[in-house]
């Protein structure tokens, strides 16, 4: 009888240790998941900011202003504009 009790006690201790290990691993994985989700949200915010910046930098009015001021470019006269059509455009 005593041996059966000792075996059951050993099994109980092994199960308890297994449960503790599983809970600890579960908590560690949950913390890792939370960090990864927070990092993903930060990347989403940064992506939104970059899209806004891209649309700001590529606005036609801004490009035209830089072309006029920095590059000293100007629109040609209407008499100097020539429209070229190809055979596929008919």
C-alpha atoms as a PDB file:
ATOM      1  CA  UNK A   1       0.000   0.000   0.000  1.00  0.00           C
ATOM      2  CA  UNK A   2       2.778   2.410   0.841  1.00  0.00           C
ATOM      3  CA  UNK A   3       4.450   1.856  -2.515  1.00  0.00           C
ATOM      4  CA  UNK A   4       1.223   2.646  -4.331  1.00  0.00           C
ATOM      5  CA  UNK A   5       0.928   5.872  -2.347  1.00  0.00           C
ATOM      6  CA  UNK A   6       4.525   6.809  -3.183  1.00  0.00           C
ATOM      7  CA  UNK A   7       3.984   6.117  -6.874  1.00  0.00           C
ATOM      8  CA  UNK A   8       0.785   8.188  -6.857  1.00  0.00           C
ATOM      9  CA  UNK A   9       2.604  10.983  -5.028  1.00  0.00           C
ATOM     10  CA  UNK A  10       5.394  10.932  -7.639  1.00  0.00           C
ATOM     11  CA  UNK A  11       2.833  11.052 -10.445  1.00  0.00           C
ATOM     12  CA  UNK A  12       1.044  13.935  -8.719  1.00  0.00           C
ATOM     13  CA  UNK A  13       4.294  15.900  -8.338  1.00  0.00           C
ATOM     14  CA  UNK A  14       5.195  15.256 -11.982  1.00  0.00           C
ATOM     15  CA  UNK A  15       1.757  16.450 -13.109  1.00  0.00           C
ATOM     16  CA  UNK A  16       2.023  19.558 -10.941  1.00  0.00           C
ATOM     17  CA  UNK A  17       5.464  20.386 -12.335  1.00  0.00           C
ATOM     18  CA  UNK A  18       4.203  19.814 -15.846  1.00  0.00           C
ATOM     19  CA  UNK A  19       1.263  22.160 -15.236  1.00  0.00           C
ATOM     20  CA  UNK A  20       3.535  24.863 -13.823  1.00  0.00           C
ATOM     21  CA  UNK A  21       5.894  24.564 -16.793  1.00  0.00           C
ATOM     22  CA  UNK A  22       3.021  24.755 -19.278  1.00  0.00           C
ATOM     23  CA  UNK A  23       1.537  27.851 -17.617  1.00  0.00           C
ATOM     24  CA  UNK A  24       4.924  29.579 -17.526  1.00  0.00           C
ATOM     25  CA  UNK A  25       5.511  28.843 -21.203  1.00  0.00           C
ATOM     26  CA  UNK A  26       1.994  30.035 -22.028  1.00  0.00           C
ATOM     27  CA  UNK A  27       2.599  33.340 -20.263  1.00  0.00           C
ATOM     28  CA  UNK A  28       5.932  33.837 -22.021  1.00  0.00           C
ATOM     29  CA  UNK A  29       4.318  33.178 -25.395  1.00  0.00           C
ATOM     30  CA  UNK A  30       1.472  35.577 -24.592  1.00  0.00           C
ATOM     31  CA  UNK A  31       3.958  38.336 -23.737  1.00  0.00           C
ATOM     32  CA  UNK A  32       5.800  37.668 -26.994  1.00  0.00           C
ATOM     33  CA  UNK A  33       2.507  37.819 -28.911  1.00  0.00           C
ATOM     34  CA  UNK A  34       1.554  41.127 -27.284  1.00  0.00           C
ATOM     35  CA  UNK A  35       4.926  42.625 -28.181  1.00  0.00           C
ATOM     36  CA  UNK A  36       4.615  41.469 -31.781  1.00  0.00           C
ATOM     37  CA  UNK A  37       1.097  42.898 -32.050  1.00  0.00           C
ATOM     38  CA  UNK A  38       2.256  46.231 -30.610  1.00  0.00           C
ATOM     39  CA  UNK A  39       5.121  46.281 -33.108  1.00  0.00           C
ATOM     40  CA  UNK A  40       2.676  45.527 -35.921  1.00  0.00           C
ATOM     41  CA  UNK A  41       0.443  48.418 -34.849  1.00  0.00           C
ATOM     42  CA  UNK A  42       3.478  50.713 -34.788  1.00  0.00           C
ATOM     43  CA  UNK A  43       4.360  49.608 -38.327  1.00  0.00           C
ATOM     44  CA  UNK A  44       0.790  50.315 -39.454  1.00  0.00           C
ATOM     45  CA  UNK A  45       1.007  53.840 -38.032  1.00  0.00           C
ATOM     46  CA  UNK A  46       4.377  54.413 -39.700  1.00  0.00           C
ATOM     47  CA  UNK A  47       3.004  53.109 -43.017  1.00  0.00           C
ATOM     48  CA  UNK A  48       0.096  55.555 -42.801  1.00  0.00           C
ATOM     49  CA  UNK A  49       2.489  58.414 -42.155  1.00  0.00           C
ATOM     50  CA  UNK A  50       4.648  57.381 -45.101  1.00  0.00           C
ATOM     51  CA  UNK A  51       1.625  57.223 -47.404  1.00  0.00           C
ATOM     52  CA  UNK A  52       0.634  60.726 -46.325  1.00  0.00           C
ATOM     53  CA  UNK A  53       4.176  61.977 -46.870  1.00  0.00           C
ATOM     54  CA  UNK A  54       4.310  60.338 -50.298  1.00  0.00           C
ATOM     55  CA  UNK A  55       1.063  61.972 -51.381  1.00  0.00           C
ATOM     56  CA  UNK A  56       2.311  65.334 -50.090  1.00  0.00           C
ATOM     57  CA  UNK A  57       5.625  65.138 -51.920  1.00  0.00           C
ATOM     58  CA  UNK A  58       4.011  64.042 -55.169  1.00  0.00           C
ATOM     59  CA  UNK A  59       1.301  66.714 -55.389  1.00  0.00           C
ATOM     60  CA  UNK A  60       1.299  68.247 -58.889  1.00  0.00           C
ATOM     61  CA  UNK A  61       1.237  71.803 -57.517  1.00  0.00           C
ATOM     62  CA  UNK A  62       4.370  71.149 -55.443  1.00  0.00           C
ATOM     63  CA  UNK A  63       6.178  69.540 -58.376  1.00  0.00           C
ATOM     64  CA  UNK A  64       5.255  72.461 -60.615  1.00  0.00           C
ATOM     65  CA  UNK A  65       6.416  74.992 -58.020  1.00  0.00           C
ATOM     66  CA  UNK A  66       9.803  73.290 -57.665  1.00  0.00           C
ATOM     67  CA  UNK A  67      10.156  73.051 -61.440  1.00  0.00           C
ATOM     68  CA  UNK A  68       9.485  76.778 -61.800  1.00  0.00           C
ATOM     69  CA  UNK A  69      11.545  78.043 -58.870  1.00  0.00           C
ATOM     70  CA  UNK A  70      14.492  75.681 -58.534  1.00  0.00           C
ATOM     71  CA  UNK A  71      14.857  74.361 -62.078  1.00  0.00           C
ATOM     72  CA  UNK A  72      13.733  77.559 -63.831  1.00  0.00           C
ATOM     73  CA  UNK A  73      11.332  75.603 -66.048  1.00  0.00           C
ATOM     74  CA  UNK A  74       8.251  77.072 -67.676  1.00  0.00           C
ATOM     75  CA  UNK A  75       5.351  75.909 -69.812  1.00  0.00           C
ATOM     76  CA  UNK A  76       5.970  76.280 -73.544  1.00  0.00           C
ATOM     77  CA  UNK A  77       3.809  78.570 -75.647  1.00  0.00           C
ATOM     78  CA  UNK A  78       0.770  77.013 -77.270  1.00  0.00           C
ATOM     79  CA  UNK A  79       2.387  77.536 -80.678  1.00  0.00           C
ATOM     80  CA  UNK A  80       5.320  75.341 -79.636  1.00  0.00           C
ATOM     81  CA  UNK A  81       3.185  72.389 -78.500  1.00  0.00           C
ATOM     82  CA  UNK A  82       2.851  69.601 -81.041  1.00  0.00           C
ATOM     83  CA  UNK A  83       0.520  66.643 -80.510  1.00  0.00           C
ATOM     84  CA  UNK A  84       1.770  63.375 -81.946  1.00  0.00           C
ATOM     85  CA  UNK A  85      -0.657  60.523 -82.579  1.00  0.00           C
ATOM     86  CA  UNK A  86       0.180  56.939 -83.324  1.00  0.00           C
ATOM     87  CA  UNK A  87      -1.653  54.469 -85.540  1.00  0.00           C
ATOM     88  CA  UNK A  88      -3.006  52.608 -82.468  1.00  0.00           C
ATOM     89  CA  UNK A  89      -4.730  55.748 -81.115  1.00  0.00           C
ATOM     90  CA  UNK A  90      -7.348  55.903 -83.901  1.00  0.00           C
END
